[in-house]
Every structure is written in C-alpha cells, then in structure tokens.
Amino acid sequence: MSKELWIAAYEQLVEEYIEQGLTEAQAESLAEEHASDRLRDNLAERGDYLRDIAKGN
C-alpha cells in the first residue's frame, strides 16, 4: 500500500472521529487501527468504478 494513500485514509478517519466527538488523541489512536481497512475499501471502490466505466465503453 502506498504510504501517501494510507496517510490520506488516516487523516480522513481522524477528521470523521473528531466530528463524532472523540478527542484528537482518541481519534488518532482509532484511525491508526482502521486506516488500512479504509484504504482497502477506498481502493476497492475505485476499482469498481473503473471497471464499470470500462464495461460501459
């Protein structure tokens, strides 16, 4: 996994967790645990999107 993509997923999760009311420290800890899962989900969605485009052409 690309380090930059993992960092983007991590930062996205931190923001979401803070919006849900967690402290920054709690959000960072939880995001660290779940960033790889988020990255896989994001890449899978992107792959599905590209496959749909390819099928349409």
PDB file of N, CA and C in Angstrom:
ATOM      1  N   MET A   1       0.840  -1.182   0.000  1.00  0.00           N
ATOM      2  CA  MET A   1       0.000   0.000   0.000  1.00  0.00           C
ATOM      3  C   MET A   1       0.883   1.243   0.000  1.00  0.00           C
ATOM      4  N   SER A   2       0.444   2.191  -0.742  1.00  0.00           N
ATOM      5  CA  SER A   2       1.186   3.443  -0.807  1.00  0.00           C
ATOM      6  C   SER A   2       1.100   4.190   0.519  1.00  0.00           C
ATOM      7  N   LYS A   3       2.241   4.676   0.968  1.00  0.00           N
ATOM      8  CA  LYS A   3       2.287   5.411   2.231  1.00  0.00           C
ATOM      9  C   LYS A   3       1.402   6.651   2.169  1.00  0.00           C
ATOM     10  N   GLU A   4       1.417   7.342   1.030  1.00  0.00           N
ATOM     11  CA  GLU A   4       0.615   8.558   0.889  1.00  0.00           C
ATOM     12  C   GLU A   4      -0.877   8.257   0.963  1.00  0.00           C
ATOM     13  N   LEU A   5      -1.290   7.158   0.350  1.00  0.00           N
ATOM     14  CA  LEU A   5      -2.706   6.785   0.394  1.00  0.00           C
ATOM     15  C   LEU A   5      -3.125   6.379   1.805  1.00  0.00           C
ATOM     16  N   TRP A   6      -2.230   5.685   2.518  1.00  0.00           N
ATOM     17  CA  TRP A   6      -2.533   5.301   3.897  1.00  0.00           C
ATOM     18  C   TRP A   6      -2.688   6.552   4.758  1.00  0.00           C
ATOM     19  N   ILE A   7      -1.797   7.516   4.575  1.00  0.00           N
ATOM     20  CA  ILE A   7      -1.865   8.760   5.345  1.00  0.00           C
ATOM     21  C   ILE A   7      -3.167   9.496   5.054  1.00  0.00           C
ATOM     22  N   ALA A   8      -3.578   9.521   3.792  1.00  0.00           N
ATOM     23  CA  ALA A   8      -4.835  10.188   3.434  1.00  0.00           C
ATOM     24  C   ALA A   8      -6.019   9.504   4.112  1.00  0.00           C
ATOM     25  N   ALA A   9      -6.028   8.173   4.121  1.00  0.00           N
ATOM     26  CA  ALA A   9      -7.108   7.434   4.785  1.00  0.00           C
ATOM     27  C   ALA A   9      -7.091   7.710   6.286  1.00  0.00           C
ATOM     28  N   TYR A  10      -5.913   7.737   6.867  1.00  0.00           N
ATOM     29  CA  TYR A  10      -5.752   8.019   8.295  1.00  0.00           C
ATOM     30  C   TYR A  10      -6.298   9.403   8.631  1.00  0.00           C
ATOM     31  N   GLU A  11      -5.889  10.402   7.862  1.00  0.00           N
ATOM     32  CA  GLU A  11      -6.337  11.775   8.121  1.00  0.00           C
ATOM     33  C   GLU A  11      -7.845  11.913   7.961  1.00  0.00           C
ATOM     34  N   GLN A  12      -8.398  11.218   6.974  1.00  0.00           N
ATOM     35  CA  GLN A  12      -9.845  11.240   6.765  1.00  0.00           C
ATOM     36  C   GLN A  12     -10.562  10.662   7.982  1.00  0.00           C
ATOM     37  N   LEU A  13     -10.056   9.559   8.491  1.00  0.00           N
ATOM     38  CA  LEU A  13     -10.669   8.939   9.664  1.00  0.00           C
ATOM     39  C   LEU A  13     -10.542   9.822  10.896  1.00  0.00           C
ATOM     40  N   VAL A  14      -9.389  10.443  11.098  1.00  0.00           N
ATOM     41  CA  VAL A  14      -9.209  11.328  12.249  1.00  0.00           C
ATOM     42  C   VAL A  14     -10.267  12.425  12.219  1.00  0.00           C
ATOM     43  N   GLU A  15     -10.453  13.040  11.060  1.00  0.00           N
ATOM     44  CA  GLU A  15     -11.459  14.102  10.933  1.00  0.00           C
ATOM     45  C   GLU A  15     -12.851  13.582  11.259  1.00  0.00           C
ATOM     46  N   GLU A  16     -13.194  12.412  10.725  1.00  0.00           N
ATOM     47  CA  GLU A  16     -14.520  11.841  10.974  1.00  0.00           C
ATOM     48  C   GLU A  16     -14.726  11.551  12.460  1.00  0.00           C
ATOM     49  N   TYR A  17     -13.720  10.984  13.107  1.00  0.00           N
ATOM     50  CA  TYR A  17     -13.841  10.644  14.521  1.00  0.00           C
ATOM     51  C   TYR A  17     -13.945  11.888  15.395  1.00  0.00           C
ATOM     52  N   ILE A  18     -13.208  12.932  15.056  1.00  0.00           N
ATOM     53  CA  ILE A  18     -13.296  14.181  15.816  1.00  0.00           C
ATOM     54  C   ILE A  18     -14.692  14.786  15.661  1.00  0.00           C
ATOM     55  N   GLU A  19     -15.240  14.727  14.432  1.00  0.00           N
ATOM     56  CA  GLU A  19     -16.601  15.225  14.201  1.00  0.00           C
ATOM     57  C   GLU A  19     -17.622  14.442  15.023  1.00  0.00           C
ATOM     58  N   GLN A  20     -17.322  13.179  15.312  1.00  0.00           N
ATOM     59  CA  GLN A  20     -18.218  12.341  16.106  1.00  0.00           C
ATOM     60  C   GLN A  20     -18.056  12.585  17.605  1.00  0.00           C
ATOM     61  N   GLY A  21     -17.112  13.457  17.983  1.00  0.00           N
ATOM     62  CA  GLY A  21     -16.977  13.825  19.380  1.00  0.00           C
ATOM     63  C   GLY A  21     -15.786  13.243  20.117  1.00  0.00           C
ATOM     64  N   LEU A  22     -14.933  12.492  19.443  1.00  0.00           N
ATOM     65  CA  LEU A  22     -13.753  11.957  20.101  1.00  0.00           C
ATOM     66  C   LEU A  22     -12.704  13.052  20.244  1.00  0.00           C
ATOM     67  N   THR A  23     -11.842  12.890  21.230  1.00  0.00           N
ATOM     68  CA  THR A  23     -10.719  13.817  21.353  1.00  0.00           C
ATOM     69  C   THR A  23      -9.741  13.523  20.222  1.00  0.00           C
ATOM     70  N   GLU A  24      -8.827  14.449  19.989  1.00  0.00           N
ATOM     71  CA  GLU A  24      -7.851  14.242  18.917  1.00  0.00           C
ATOM     72  C   GLU A  24      -7.004  12.991  19.178  1.00  0.00           C
ATOM     73  N   ALA A  25      -6.605  12.787  20.422  1.00  0.00           N
ATOM     74  CA  ALA A  25      -5.796  11.610  20.765  1.00  0.00           C
ATOM     75  C   ALA A  25      -6.577  10.316  20.534  1.00  0.00           C
ATOM     76  N   GLN A  26      -7.846  10.305  20.942  1.00  0.00           N
ATOM     77  CA  GLN A  26      -8.682   9.123  20.720  1.00  0.00           C
ATOM     78  C   GLN A  26      -8.869   8.878  19.226  1.00  0.00           C
ATOM     79  N   ALA A  27      -9.130   9.948  18.487  1.00  0.00           N
ATOM     80  CA  ALA A  27      -9.350   9.841  17.043  1.00  0.00           C
ATOM     81  C   ALA A  27      -8.111   9.309  16.344  1.00  0.00           C
ATOM     82  N   GLU A  28      -6.946   9.804  16.727  1.00  0.00           N
ATOM     83  CA  GLU A  28      -5.701   9.350  16.107  1.00  0.00           C
ATOM     84  C   GLU A  28      -5.434   7.883  16.406  1.00  0.00           C
ATOM     85  N   SER A  29      -5.678   7.468  17.630  1.00  0.00           N
ATOM     86  CA  SER A  29      -5.462   6.075  18.009  1.00  0.00           C
ATOM     87  C   SER A  29      -6.387   5.146  17.230  1.00  0.00           C
ATOM     88  N   LEU A  30      -7.651   5.496  17.180  1.00  0.00           N
ATOM     89  CA  LEU A  30      -8.626   4.677  16.469  1.00  0.00           C
ATOM     90  C   LEU A  30      -8.359   4.682  14.966  1.00  0.00           C
ATOM     91  N   ALA A  31      -8.001   5.825  14.423  1.00  0.00           N
ATOM     92  CA  ALA A  31      -7.712   5.926  12.991  1.00  0.00           C
ATOM     93  C   ALA A  31      -6.514   5.068  12.618  1.00  0.00           C
ATOM     94  N   GLU A  32      -5.527   5.017  13.487  1.00  0.00           N
ATOM     95  CA  GLU A  32      -4.349   4.194  13.218  1.00  0.00           C
ATOM     96  C   GLU A  32      -4.738   2.722  13.100  1.00  0.00           C
ATOM     97  N   GLU A  33      -5.690   2.299  13.922  1.00  0.00           N
ATOM     98  CA  GLU A  33      -6.156   0.912  13.883  1.00  0.00           C
ATOM     99  C   GLU A  33      -6.937   0.603  12.606  1.00  0.00           C
ATOM    100  N   HIS A  34      -7.637   1.595  12.059  1.00  0.00           N
ATOM    101  CA  HIS A  34      -8.563   1.335  10.960  1.00  0.00           C
ATOM    102  C   HIS A  34      -8.149   1.912   9.609  1.00  0.00           C
ATOM    103  N   ALA A  35      -7.020   2.588   9.531  1.00  0.00           N
ATOM    104  CA  ALA A  35      -6.619   3.244   8.279  1.00  0.00           C
ATOM    105  C   ALA A  35      -6.391   2.248   7.147  1.00  0.00           C
ATOM    106  N   SER A  36      -5.796   1.113   7.434  1.00  0.00           N
ATOM    107  CA  SER A  36      -5.546   0.125   6.382  1.00  0.00           C
ATOM    108  C   SER A  36      -6.855  -0.415   5.817  1.00  0.00           C
ATOM    109  N   ASP A  37      -7.830  -0.645   6.698  1.00  0.00           N
ATOM    110  CA  ASP A  37      -9.141  -1.106   6.234  1.00  0.00           C
ATOM    111  C   ASP A  37      -9.800  -0.051   5.354  1.00  0.00           C
ATOM    112  N   ARG A  38      -9.732   1.211   5.763  1.00  0.00           N
ATOM    113  CA  ARG A  38     -10.323   2.294   4.982  1.00  0.00           C
ATOM    114  C   ARG A  38      -9.649   2.395   3.617  1.00  0.00           C
ATOM    115  N   LEU A  39      -8.323   2.258   3.601  1.00  0.00           N
ATOM    116  CA  LEU A  39      -7.596   2.337   2.339  1.00  0.00           C
ATOM    117  C   LEU A  39      -8.023   1.213   1.405  1.00  0.00           C
ATOM    118  N   ARG A  40      -8.142   0.001   1.915  1.00  0.00           N
ATOM    119  CA  ARG A  40      -8.596  -1.115   1.078  1.00  0.00           C
ATOM    120  C   ARG A  40      -9.996  -0.850   0.535  1.00  0.00           C
ATOM    121  N   ASP A  41     -10.883  -0.334   1.380  1.00  0.00           N
ATOM    122  CA  ASP A  41     -12.242  -0.017   0.934  1.00  0.00           C
ATOM    123  C   ASP A  41     -12.224   1.045  -0.162  1.00  0.00           C
ATOM    124  N   ASN A  42     -11.420   2.095   0.037  1.00  0.00           N
ATOM    125  CA  ASN A  42     -11.335   3.164  -0.960  1.00  0.00           C
ATOM    126  C   ASN A  42     -10.804   2.641  -2.286  1.00  0.00           C
ATOM    127  N   LEU A  43      -9.776   1.796  -2.232  1.00  0.00           N
ATOM    128  CA  LEU A  43      -9.206   1.243  -3.460  1.00  0.00           C
ATOM    129  C   LEU A  43     -10.188   0.297  -4.147  1.00  0.00           C
ATOM    130  N   ALA A  44     -10.931  -0.475  -3.371  1.00  0.00           N
ATOM    131  CA  ALA A  44     -11.926  -1.376  -3.953  1.00  0.00           C
ATOM    132  C   ALA A  44     -13.028  -0.583  -4.649  1.00  0.00           C
ATOM    133  N   GLU A  45     -13.474   0.497  -4.019  1.00  0.00           N
ATOM    134  CA  GLU A  45     -14.498   1.339  -4.640  1.00  0.00           C
ATOM    135  C   GLU A  45     -13.981   1.958  -5.935  1.00  0.00           C
ATOM    136  N   ARG A  46     -12.738   2.408  -5.920  1.00  0.00           N
ATOM    137  CA  ARG A  46     -12.142   2.995  -7.118  1.00  0.00           C
ATOM    138  C   ARG A  46     -12.043   1.944  -8.227  1.00  0.00           C
ATOM    139  N   GLY A  47     -11.657   0.724  -7.856  1.00  0.00           N
ATOM    140  CA  GLY A  47     -11.578  -0.360  -8.829  1.00  0.00           C
ATOM    141  C   GLY A  47     -12.938  -0.685  -9.420  1.00  0.00           C
ATOM    142  N   ASP A  48     -13.967  -0.729  -8.577  1.00  0.00           N
ATOM    143  CA  ASP A  48     -15.326  -0.978  -9.061  1.00  0.00           C
ATOM    144  C   ASP A  48     -15.763   0.110 -10.030  1.00  0.00           C
ATOM    145  N   TYR A  49     -15.457   1.348  -9.695  1.00  0.00           N
ATOM    146  CA  TYR A  49     -15.815   2.487 -10.540  1.00  0.00           C
ATOM    147  C   TYR A  49     -15.134   2.374 -11.904  1.00  0.00           C
ATOM    148  N   LEU A  50     -13.849   2.077 -11.905  1.00  0.00           N
ATOM    149  CA  LEU A  50     -13.115   1.963 -13.168  1.00  0.00           C
ATOM    150  C   LEU A  50     -13.603   0.775 -13.990  1.00  0.00           C
ATOM    151  N   ARG A  51     -13.946  -0.325 -13.327  1.00  0.00           N
ATOM    152  CA  ARG A  51     -14.467  -1.490 -14.037  1.00  0.00           C
ATOM    153  C   ARG A  51     -15.814  -1.159 -14.683  1.00  0.00           C
ATOM    154  N   ASP A  52     -16.659  -0.418 -13.968  1.00  0.00           N
ATOM    155  CA  ASP A  52     -17.950  -0.012 -14.524  1.00  0.00           C
ATOM    156  C   ASP A  52     -17.768   0.881 -15.741  1.00  0.00           C
ATOM    157  N   ILE A  53     -16.810   1.779 -15.675  1.00  0.00           N
ATOM    158  CA  ILE A  53     -16.530   2.648 -16.821  1.00  0.00           C
ATOM    159  C   ILE A  53     -16.057   1.814 -18.005  1.00  0.00           C
ATOM    160  N   ALA A  54     -15.169   0.864 -17.745  1.00  0.00           N
ATOM    161  CA  ALA A  54     -14.639   0.025 -18.820  1.00  0.00           C
ATOM    162  C   ALA A  54     -15.742  -0.814 -19.460  1.00  0.00           C
ATOM    163  N   LYS A  55     -16.674  -1.307 -18.671  1.00  0.00           N
ATOM    164  CA  LYS A  55     -17.775  -2.105 -19.207  1.00  0.00           C
ATOM    165  C   LYS A  55     -18.709  -1.254 -20.060  1.00  0.00           C
ATOM    166  N   GLY A  56     -18.814   0.017 -19.716  1.00  0.00           N
ATOM    167  CA  GLY A  56     -19.714   0.913 -20.435  1.00  0.00           C
ATOM    168  C   GLY A  56     -19.192   1.331 -21.793  1.00  0.00           C
ATOM    169  N   ASN A  57     -17.924   1.152 -22.023  1.00  0.00           N
ATOM    170  CA  ASN A  57     -17.328   1.587 -23.306  1.00  0.00           C
ATOM    171  C   ASN A  57     -17.172   0.459 -24.261  1.00  0.00           C
TER     172      ASN A  57
END
